[in-house]
Full PDB file with SEQRES, HELIX, SHEET, SSBOND, CRYST1, ORIGX, SCALE, CONECT and MASTER records, all heavy atoms in Angstrom:
SEQRES   1 A   33  LEU LYS SER GLU ALA ALA GLN GLN GLY GLU LEU ASN LYS          
SEQRES   2 A   33  ASN GLU LYS MET LEU GLN ARG VAL ARG ALA ILE ALA ASP          
SEQRES   3 A   33  ARG ILE LYS PRO GLN THR ALA                                  
HELIX    1 AA1 LYS A    2  GLN A    7  1                                   6    
HELIX    2 AA2 GLU A   15  ILE A   28  1                                  14    
HELIX    3 AA3 LYS A   29  THR A   32  5                                   4    
CRYST1    1.000    1.000    1.000  90.00  90.00  90.00 P 1           1          
ORIGX1      1.000000  0.000000  0.000000        0.00000                         
ORIGX2      0.000000  1.000000  0.000000        0.00000                         
ORIGX3      0.000000  0.000000  1.000000        0.00000                         
SCALE1      1.000000  0.000000  0.000000        0.00000                         
SCALE2      0.000000  1.000000  0.000000        0.00000                         
SCALE3      0.000000  0.000000  1.000000        0.00000                         
ATOM      1  N   LEU A   1       0.833  -1.194   0.024  1.00  0.00           N  
ATOM      2  CA  LEU A   1       0.036   0.000   0.005  1.00  0.00           C  
ATOM      3  C   LEU A   1       0.839   1.249  -0.025  1.00  0.00           C  
ATOM      4  O   LEU A   1       0.637   2.227  -0.738  1.00  0.00           O  
ATOM      5  CB  LEU A   1      -0.895   0.016   1.263  1.00  0.00           C  
ATOM      6  CG  LEU A   1      -1.940   1.149   1.312  1.00  0.00           C  
ATOM      7  CD1 LEU A   1      -2.873   1.100   0.159  1.00  0.00           C  
ATOM      8  CD2 LEU A   1      -2.706   1.088   2.658  1.00  0.00           C  
ATOM      9  N   LYS A   2       1.922   1.263   0.850  1.00  0.00           N  
ATOM     10  CA  LYS A   2       2.869   2.381   0.832  1.00  0.00           C  
ATOM     11  C   LYS A   2       3.547   2.619  -0.513  1.00  0.00           C  
ATOM     12  O   LYS A   2       3.644   3.724  -0.978  1.00  0.00           O  
ATOM     13  CB  LYS A   2       3.850   2.205   1.974  1.00  0.00           C  
ATOM     14  CG  LYS A   2       3.434   2.438   3.367  1.00  0.00           C  
ATOM     15  CD  LYS A   2       4.548   2.505   4.363  1.00  0.00           C  
ATOM     16  CE  LYS A   2       5.527   1.360   4.235  1.00  0.00           C  
ATOM     17  NZ  LYS A   2       6.687   1.526   5.145  1.00  0.00           N  
ATOM     18  N   SER A   3       3.927   1.477  -1.066  1.00  0.00           N  
ATOM     19  CA  SER A   3       4.681   1.584  -2.353  1.00  0.00           C  
ATOM     20  C   SER A   3       3.793   2.093  -3.440  1.00  0.00           C  
ATOM     21  O   SER A   3       4.233   3.013  -4.186  1.00  0.00           O  
ATOM     22  CB  SER A   3       5.177   0.165  -2.740  1.00  0.00           C  
ATOM     23  OG  SER A   3       5.825   0.188  -3.998  1.00  0.00           O  
ATOM     24  N   GLU A   4       2.575   1.669  -3.473  1.00  0.00           N  
ATOM     25  CA  GLU A   4       1.661   2.214  -4.475  1.00  0.00           C  
ATOM     26  C   GLU A   4       1.372   3.736  -4.305  1.00  0.00           C  
ATOM     27  O   GLU A   4       1.288   4.466  -5.220  1.00  0.00           O  
ATOM     28  CB  GLU A   4       0.349   1.337  -4.461  1.00  0.00           C  
ATOM     29  CG  GLU A   4       0.485  -0.003  -4.903  1.00  0.00           C  
ATOM     30  CD  GLU A   4      -0.765  -0.884  -4.703  1.00  0.00           C  
ATOM     31  OE1 GLU A   4      -1.760  -0.290  -4.068  1.00  0.00           O  
ATOM     32  OE2 GLU A   4      -0.800  -2.064  -5.127  1.00  0.00           O  
ATOM     33  N   ALA A   5       1.178   4.108  -2.981  1.00  0.00           N  
ATOM     34  CA  ALA A   5       0.938   5.480  -2.691  1.00  0.00           C  
ATOM     35  C   ALA A   5       2.095   6.399  -3.056  1.00  0.00           C  
ATOM     36  O   ALA A   5       2.041   7.500  -3.532  1.00  0.00           O  
ATOM     37  CB  ALA A   5       0.545   5.607  -1.239  1.00  0.00           C  
ATOM     38  N   ALA A   6       3.309   5.820  -2.748  1.00  0.00           N  
ATOM     39  CA  ALA A   6       4.561   6.597  -3.110  1.00  0.00           C  
ATOM     40  C   ALA A   6       4.682   6.787  -4.592  1.00  0.00           C  
ATOM     41  O   ALA A   6       5.137   7.864  -5.033  1.00  0.00           O  
ATOM     42  CB  ALA A   6       5.771   5.845  -2.480  1.00  0.00           C  
ATOM     43  N   GLN A   7       4.440   5.733  -5.304  1.00  0.00           N  
ATOM     44  CA  GLN A   7       4.584   5.815  -6.774  1.00  0.00           C  
ATOM     45  C   GLN A   7       3.615   6.837  -7.387  1.00  0.00           C  
ATOM     46  O   GLN A   7       3.907   7.511  -8.377  1.00  0.00           O  
ATOM     47  CB  GLN A   7       4.227   4.456  -7.399  1.00  0.00           C  
ATOM     48  CG  GLN A   7       5.286   3.392  -7.150  1.00  0.00           C  
ATOM     49  CD  GLN A   7       4.977   2.030  -7.714  1.00  0.00           C  
ATOM     50  OE1 GLN A   7       3.918   1.842  -8.330  1.00  0.00           O  
ATOM     51  NE2 GLN A   7       5.800   1.023  -7.394  1.00  0.00           N  
ATOM     52  N   GLN A   8       2.461   7.065  -6.698  1.00  0.00           N  
ATOM     53  CA  GLN A   8       1.472   8.021  -7.165  1.00  0.00           C  
ATOM     54  C   GLN A   8       1.689   9.384  -6.492  1.00  0.00           C  
ATOM     55  O   GLN A   8       0.871  10.397  -6.763  1.00  0.00           O  
ATOM     56  CB  GLN A   8       0.044   7.527  -6.852  1.00  0.00           C  
ATOM     57  CG  GLN A   8      -0.314   6.239  -7.562  1.00  0.00           C  
ATOM     58  CD  GLN A   8      -1.558   5.592  -7.024  1.00  0.00           C  
ATOM     59  OE1 GLN A   8      -2.259   6.174  -6.109  1.00  0.00           O  
ATOM     60  NE2 GLN A   8      -1.868   4.464  -7.506  1.00  0.00           N  
ATOM     61  N   GLY A   9       2.786   9.547  -5.747  1.00  0.00           N  
ATOM     62  CA  GLY A   9       3.054  10.792  -5.091  1.00  0.00           C  
ATOM     63  C   GLY A   9       2.096  11.186  -4.002  1.00  0.00           C  
ATOM     64  O   GLY A   9       1.885  12.414  -3.718  1.00  0.00           O  
ATOM     65  N   GLU A  10       1.455  10.186  -3.402  1.00  0.00           N  
ATOM     66  CA  GLU A  10       0.435  10.438  -2.345  1.00  0.00           C  
ATOM     67  C   GLU A  10       0.894  10.038  -0.952  1.00  0.00           C  
ATOM     68  O   GLU A  10       0.044  10.184   0.004  1.00  0.00           O  
ATOM     69  CB  GLU A  10      -0.845   9.636  -2.716  1.00  0.00           C  
ATOM     70  CG  GLU A  10      -1.486  10.087  -4.052  1.00  0.00           C  
ATOM     71  CD  GLU A  10      -2.692   9.313  -4.455  1.00  0.00           C  
ATOM     72  OE1 GLU A  10      -2.849   8.184  -3.771  1.00  0.00           O  
ATOM     73  OE2 GLU A  10      -3.375   9.713  -5.404  1.00  0.00           O  
ATOM     74  N   LEU A  11       2.127   9.616  -0.763  1.00  0.00           N  
ATOM     75  CA  LEU A  11       2.514   9.169   0.551  1.00  0.00           C  
ATOM     76  C   LEU A  11       3.216  10.301   1.308  1.00  0.00           C  
ATOM     77  O   LEU A  11       4.250  10.842   0.857  1.00  0.00           O  
ATOM     78  CB  LEU A  11       3.431   7.978   0.423  1.00  0.00           C  
ATOM     79  CG  LEU A  11       3.898   7.291   1.772  1.00  0.00           C  
ATOM     80  CD1 LEU A  11       2.653   6.591   2.442  1.00  0.00           C  
ATOM     81  CD2 LEU A  11       4.974   6.271   1.541  1.00  0.00           C  
ATOM     82  N   ASN A  12       2.667  10.638   2.487  1.00  0.00           N  
ATOM     83  CA  ASN A  12       3.307  11.553   3.406  1.00  0.00           C  
ATOM     84  C   ASN A  12       3.660  12.955   2.677  1.00  0.00           C  
ATOM     85  O   ASN A  12       4.756  13.447   2.920  1.00  0.00           O  
ATOM     86  CB  ASN A  12       4.546  10.958   4.081  1.00  0.00           C  
ATOM     87  CG  ASN A  12       4.188   9.753   4.835  1.00  0.00           C  
ATOM     88  OD1 ASN A  12       3.116   9.596   5.391  1.00  0.00           O  
ATOM     89  ND2 ASN A  12       5.115   8.780   4.921  1.00  0.00           N  
ATOM     90  N   LYS A  13       2.684  13.437   1.980  1.00  0.00           N  
ATOM     91  CA  LYS A  13       2.972  14.756   1.237  1.00  0.00           C  
ATOM     92  C   LYS A  13       3.054  15.920   2.263  1.00  0.00           C  
ATOM     93  O   LYS A  13       3.749  16.807   2.031  1.00  0.00           O  
ATOM     94  CB  LYS A  13       1.864  14.985   0.229  1.00  0.00           C  
ATOM     95  CG  LYS A  13       1.950  14.054  -0.970  1.00  0.00           C  
ATOM     96  CD  LYS A  13       0.868  14.363  -2.058  1.00  0.00           C  
ATOM     97  CE  LYS A  13       1.038  15.813  -2.572  1.00  0.00           C  
ATOM     98  NZ  LYS A  13       0.042  16.080  -3.571  1.00  0.00           N  
ATOM     99  N   ASN A  14       2.243  15.851   3.265  1.00  0.00           N  
ATOM    100  CA  ASN A  14       2.102  16.922   4.215  1.00  0.00           C  
ATOM    101  C   ASN A  14       2.948  16.654   5.405  1.00  0.00           C  
ATOM    102  O   ASN A  14       2.485  15.913   6.370  1.00  0.00           O  
ATOM    103  CB  ASN A  14       0.657  17.249   4.541  1.00  0.00           C  
ATOM    104  CG  ASN A  14       0.412  18.481   5.364  1.00  0.00           C  
ATOM    105  OD1 ASN A  14       1.278  18.824   6.205  1.00  0.00           O  
ATOM    106  ND2 ASN A  14      -0.650  19.164   5.173  1.00  0.00           N  
ATOM    107  N   GLU A  15       4.143  17.185   5.501  1.00  0.00           N  
ATOM    108  CA  GLU A  15       5.110  16.813   6.608  1.00  0.00           C  
ATOM    109  C   GLU A  15       4.493  17.238   7.947  1.00  0.00           C  
ATOM    110  O   GLU A  15       4.638  16.580   9.011  1.00  0.00           O  
ATOM    111  CB  GLU A  15       6.429  17.488   6.402  1.00  0.00           C  
ATOM    112  CG  GLU A  15       7.493  17.130   7.449  1.00  0.00           C  
ATOM    113  CD  GLU A  15       7.850  15.700   7.497  1.00  0.00           C  
ATOM    114  OE1 GLU A  15       7.702  14.952   6.417  1.00  0.00           O  
ATOM    115  OE2 GLU A  15       8.270  15.227   8.578  1.00  0.00           O  
ATOM    116  N   LYS A  16       3.841  18.411   8.007  1.00  0.00           N  
ATOM    117  CA  LYS A  16       3.299  18.929   9.256  1.00  0.00           C  
ATOM    118  C   LYS A  16       2.162  18.066   9.724  1.00  0.00           C  
ATOM    119  O   LYS A  16       2.136  17.678  10.925  1.00  0.00           O  
ATOM    120  CB  LYS A  16       2.728  20.356   8.982  1.00  0.00           C  
ATOM    121  CG  LYS A  16       2.241  20.973  10.247  1.00  0.00           C  
ATOM    122  CD  LYS A  16       1.800  22.387  10.057  1.00  0.00           C  
ATOM    123  CE  LYS A  16       1.247  23.108  11.287  1.00  0.00           C  
ATOM    124  NZ  LYS A  16       0.833  24.453  11.040  1.00  0.00           N  
ATOM    125  N   MET A  17       1.346  17.552   8.871  1.00  0.00           N  
ATOM    126  CA  MET A  17       0.251  16.645   9.258  1.00  0.00           C  
ATOM    127  C   MET A  17       0.876  15.309   9.798  1.00  0.00           C  
ATOM    128  O   MET A  17       0.382  14.717  10.721  1.00  0.00           O  
ATOM    129  CB  MET A  17      -0.683  16.371   8.141  1.00  0.00           C  
ATOM    130  CG  MET A  17      -1.821  15.428   8.451  1.00  0.00           C  
ATOM    131  SD  MET A  17      -2.924  15.102   7.043  1.00  0.00           S  
ATOM    132  CE  MET A  17      -3.773  16.695   6.875  1.00  0.00           C  
ATOM    133  N   LEU A  18       1.899  14.815   9.033  1.00  0.00           N  
ATOM    134  CA  LEU A  18       2.553  13.596   9.373  1.00  0.00           C  
ATOM    135  C   LEU A  18       3.132  13.634  10.746  1.00  0.00           C  
ATOM    136  O   LEU A  18       2.924  12.730  11.581  1.00  0.00           O  
ATOM    137  CB  LEU A  18       3.598  13.228   8.321  1.00  0.00           C  
ATOM    138  CG  LEU A  18       4.424  11.926   8.604  1.00  0.00           C  
ATOM    139  CD1 LEU A  18       3.485  10.687   8.553  1.00  0.00           C  
ATOM    140  CD2 LEU A  18       5.566  11.840   7.597  1.00  0.00           C  
ATOM    141  N   GLN A  19       3.820  14.708  11.127  1.00  0.00           N  
ATOM    142  CA  GLN A  19       4.492  14.819  12.380  1.00  0.00           C  
ATOM    143  C   GLN A  19       3.379  14.953  13.467  1.00  0.00           C  
ATOM    144  O   GLN A  19       3.552  14.441  14.592  1.00  0.00           O  
ATOM    145  CB  GLN A  19       5.342  16.075  12.436  1.00  0.00           C  
ATOM    146  CG  GLN A  19       6.606  15.902  11.497  1.00  0.00           C  
ATOM    147  CD  GLN A  19       7.406  14.715  11.825  1.00  0.00           C  
ATOM    148  OE1 GLN A  19       7.636  14.327  12.935  1.00  0.00           O  
ATOM    149  NE2 GLN A  19       7.827  14.092  10.740  1.00  0.00           N  
ATOM    150  N   ARG A  20       2.266  15.610  13.131  1.00  0.00           N  
ATOM    151  CA  ARG A  20       1.190  15.739  14.062  1.00  0.00           C  
ATOM    152  C   ARG A  20       0.592  14.358  14.461  1.00  0.00           C  
ATOM    153  O   ARG A  20       0.420  13.931  15.614  1.00  0.00           O  
ATOM    154  CB  ARG A  20       0.142  16.623  13.480  1.00  0.00           C  
ATOM    155  CG  ARG A  20      -1.108  16.838  14.300  1.00  0.00           C  
ATOM    156  CD  ARG A  20      -2.181  17.685  13.570  1.00  0.00           C  
ATOM    157  NE  ARG A  20      -3.358  17.820  14.257  1.00  0.00           N  
ATOM    158  CZ  ARG A  20      -4.522  18.219  13.684  1.00  0.00           C  
ATOM    159  NH1 ARG A  20      -4.549  18.463  12.307  1.00  0.00           N  
ATOM    160  NH2 ARG A  20      -5.598  18.373  14.431  1.00  0.00           N  
ATOM    161  N   VAL A  21       0.271  13.574  13.490  1.00  0.00           N  
ATOM    162  CA  VAL A  21      -0.295  12.227  13.628  1.00  0.00           C  
ATOM    163  C   VAL A  21       0.717  11.309  14.327  1.00  0.00           C  
ATOM    164  O   VAL A  21       0.344  10.559  15.257  1.00  0.00           O  
ATOM    165  CB  VAL A  21      -0.798  11.627  12.333  1.00  0.00           C  
ATOM    166  CG1 VAL A  21      -1.203  10.141  12.471  1.00  0.00           C  
ATOM    167  CG2 VAL A  21      -1.926  12.486  11.759  1.00  0.00           C  
ATOM    168  N   ARG A  22       1.985  11.409  13.991  1.00  0.00           N  
ATOM    169  CA  ARG A  22       2.970  10.545  14.618  1.00  0.00           C  
ATOM    170  C   ARG A  22       3.155  10.897  16.057  1.00  0.00           C  
ATOM    171  O   ARG A  22       3.389  10.041  16.899  1.00  0.00           O  
ATOM    172  CB  ARG A  22       4.289  10.576  13.859  1.00  0.00           C  
ATOM    173  CG  ARG A  22       4.164   9.776  12.545  1.00  0.00           C  
ATOM    174  CD  ARG A  22       5.549   9.820  11.747  1.00  0.00           C  
ATOM    175  NE  ARG A  22       5.526   8.902  10.611  1.00  0.00           N  
ATOM    176  CZ  ARG A  22       6.478   8.775   9.689  1.00  0.00           C  
ATOM    177  NH1 ARG A  22       7.613   9.573   9.812  1.00  0.00           N  
ATOM    178  NH2 ARG A  22       6.349   7.980   8.672  1.00  0.00           N  
ATOM    179  N   ALA A  23       3.079  12.193  16.401  1.00  0.00           N  
ATOM    180  CA  ALA A  23       3.202  12.617  17.781  1.00  0.00           C  
ATOM    181  C   ALA A  23       2.140  12.042  18.631  1.00  0.00           C  
ATOM    182  O   ALA A  23       2.313  11.648  19.753  1.00  0.00           O  
ATOM    183  CB  ALA A  23       3.305  14.112  17.866  1.00  0.00           C  
ATOM    184  N   ILE A  24       0.889  12.017  18.041  1.00  0.00           N  
ATOM    185  CA  ILE A  24      -0.272  11.464  18.794  1.00  0.00           C  
ATOM    186  C   ILE A  24      -0.101   9.908  19.010  1.00  0.00           C  
ATOM    187  O   ILE A  24      -0.361   9.468  20.114  1.00  0.00           O  
ATOM    188  CB  ILE A  24      -1.547  11.695  18.080  1.00  0.00           C  
ATOM    189  CG1 ILE A  24      -1.849  13.271  17.995  1.00  0.00           C  
ATOM    190  CG2 ILE A  24      -2.749  10.975  18.571  1.00  0.00           C  
ATOM    191  CD1 ILE A  24      -2.955  13.670  16.990  1.00  0.00           C  
ATOM    192  N   ALA A  25       0.415   9.245  17.976  1.00  0.00           N  
ATOM    193  CA  ALA A  25       0.639   7.843  18.126  1.00  0.00           C  
ATOM    194  C   ALA A  25       1.721   7.560  19.154  1.00  0.00           C  
ATOM    195  O   ALA A  25       1.581   6.585  19.884  1.00  0.00           O  
ATOM    196  CB  ALA A  25       1.134   7.240  16.728  1.00  0.00           C  
ATOM    197  N   ASP A  26       2.713   8.393  19.218  1.00  0.00           N  
ATOM    198  CA  ASP A  26       3.824   8.200  20.235  1.00  0.00           C  
ATOM    199  C   ASP A  26       3.244   8.257  21.634  1.00  0.00           C  
ATOM    200  O   ASP A  26       3.864   7.689  22.575  1.00  0.00           O  
ATOM    201  CB  ASP A  26       4.943   9.239  19.960  1.00  0.00           C  
ATOM    202  CG  ASP A  26       5.790   8.905  18.743  1.00  0.00           C  
ATOM    203  OD1 ASP A  26       5.733   7.786  18.306  1.00  0.00           O  
ATOM    204  OD2 ASP A  26       6.493   9.828  18.266  1.00  0.00           O  
ATOM    205  N   ARG A  27       2.273   9.102  21.862  1.00  0.00           N  
ATOM    206  CA  ARG A  27       1.677   9.178  23.188  1.00  0.00           C  
ATOM    207  C   ARG A  27       0.738   7.983  23.536  1.00  0.00           C  
ATOM    208  O   ARG A  27       0.554   7.645  24.665  1.00  0.00           O  
ATOM    209  CB  ARG A  27       0.924  10.496  23.291  1.00  0.00           C  
ATOM    210  CG  ARG A  27       1.808  11.708  23.520  1.00  0.00           C  
ATOM    211  CD  ARG A  27       1.103  12.985  23.512  1.00  0.00           C  
ATOM    212  NE  ARG A  27       0.065  13.180  24.477  1.00  0.00           N  
ATOM    213  CZ  ARG A  27      -0.592  14.283  24.708  1.00  0.00           C  
ATOM    214  NH1 ARG A  27      -0.331  15.374  24.014  1.00  0.00           N  
ATOM    215  NH2 ARG A  27      -1.570  14.312  25.605  1.00  0.00           N  
ATOM    216  N   ILE A  28       0.136   7.436  22.475  1.00  0.00           N  
ATOM    217  CA  ILE A  28      -0.751   6.322  22.661  1.00  0.00           C  
ATOM    218  C   ILE A  28      -0.029   5.032  22.834  1.00  0.00           C  
ATOM    219  O   ILE A  28      -0.459   4.180  23.655  1.00  0.00           O  
ATOM    220  CB  ILE A  28      -1.865   6.241  21.565  1.00  0.00           C  
ATOM    221  CG1 ILE A  28      -2.745   7.472  21.578  1.00  0.00           C  
ATOM    222  CG2 ILE A  28      -2.660   5.011  21.648  1.00  0.00           C  
ATOM    223  CD1 ILE A  28      -3.792   7.628  20.537  1.00  0.00           C  
ATOM    224  N   LYS A  29       1.022   4.789  22.064  1.00  0.00           N  
ATOM    225  CA  LYS A  29       1.641   3.485  22.016  1.00  0.00           C  
ATOM    226  C   LYS A  29       2.005   3.044  23.365  1.00  0.00           C  
ATOM    227  O   LYS A  29       1.811   1.770  23.677  1.00  0.00           O  
ATOM    228  CB  LYS A  29       2.863   3.569  21.048  1.00  0.00           C  
ATOM    229  CG  LYS A  29       2.451   3.562  19.644  1.00  0.00           C  
ATOM    230  CD  LYS A  29       3.678   3.477  18.645  1.00  0.00           C  
ATOM    231  CE  LYS A  29       4.510   4.766  18.688  1.00  0.00           C  
ATOM    232  NZ  LYS A  29       5.609   4.704  17.652  1.00  0.00           N  
ATOM    233  N   PRO A  30       2.683   3.751  24.298  1.00  0.00           N  
ATOM    234  CA  PRO A  30       3.027   3.218  25.615  1.00  0.00           C  
ATOM    235  C   PRO A  30       1.857   2.815  26.406  1.00  0.00           C  
ATOM    236  O   PRO A  30       1.957   1.832  27.259  1.00  0.00           O  
ATOM    237  CB  PRO A  30       3.779   4.395  26.240  1.00  0.00           C  
ATOM    238  CG  PRO A  30       4.166   5.242  25.151  1.00  0.00           C  
ATOM    239  CD  PRO A  30       3.156   5.166  24.129  1.00  0.00           C  
ATOM    240  N   GLN A  31       0.712   3.379  26.114  1.00  0.00           N  
ATOM    241  CA  GLN A  31      -0.513   2.979  26.937  1.00  0.00           C  
ATOM    242  C   GLN A  31      -1.090   1.638  26.599  1.00  0.00           C  
ATOM    243  O   GLN A  31      -1.874   1.047  27.302  1.00  0.00           O  
ATOM    244  CB  GLN A  31      -1.594   4.115  26.741  1.00  0.00           C  
ATOM    245  CG  GLN A  31      -1.072   5.514  26.906  1.00  0.00           C  
ATOM    246  CD  GLN A  31      -0.316   5.673  28.162  1.00  0.00           C  
ATOM    247  OE1 GLN A  31      -0.673   5.229  29.226  1.00  0.00           O  
ATOM    248  NE2 GLN A  31       0.740   6.487  28.157  1.00  0.00           N  
ATOM    249  N   THR A  32      -0.716   1.141  25.366  1.00  0.00           N  
ATOM    250  CA  THR A  32      -1.159  -0.190  24.988  1.00  0.00           C  
ATOM    251  C   THR A  32      -0.730  -1.296  25.944  1.00  0.00           C  
ATOM    252  O   THR A  32      -1.320  -2.341  25.917  1.00  0.00           O  
ATOM    253  CB  THR A  32      -0.723  -0.529  23.553  1.00  0.00           C  
ATOM    254  OG1 THR A  32       0.749  -0.600  23.493  1.00  0.00           O  
ATOM    255  CG2 THR A  32      -1.259   0.506  22.520  1.00  0.00           C  
ATOM    256  N   ALA A  33       0.363  -1.082  26.742  1.00  0.00           N  
ATOM    257  CA  ALA A  33       0.798  -2.109  27.616  1.00  0.00           C  
ATOM    258  C   ALA A  33      -0.265  -2.446  28.704  1.00  0.00           C  
ATOM    259  O   ALA A  33      -0.176  -3.577  29.229  1.00  0.00           O  
ATOM    260  CB  ALA A  33       2.052  -1.536  28.324  1.00  0.00           C  
TER     261      ALA A  33                                                      
MASTER        0    0    0    3    0    0    0    6  260    1    0    3          
END                                                                             
């Protein structure tokens, strides 16, 4: 899925949005324990 999106130029185009979503994930991941 990532490869196909990258080929179409649709993967992680908005760096600000990407960092925002990854920061939220980083706060949630430890809580999964």
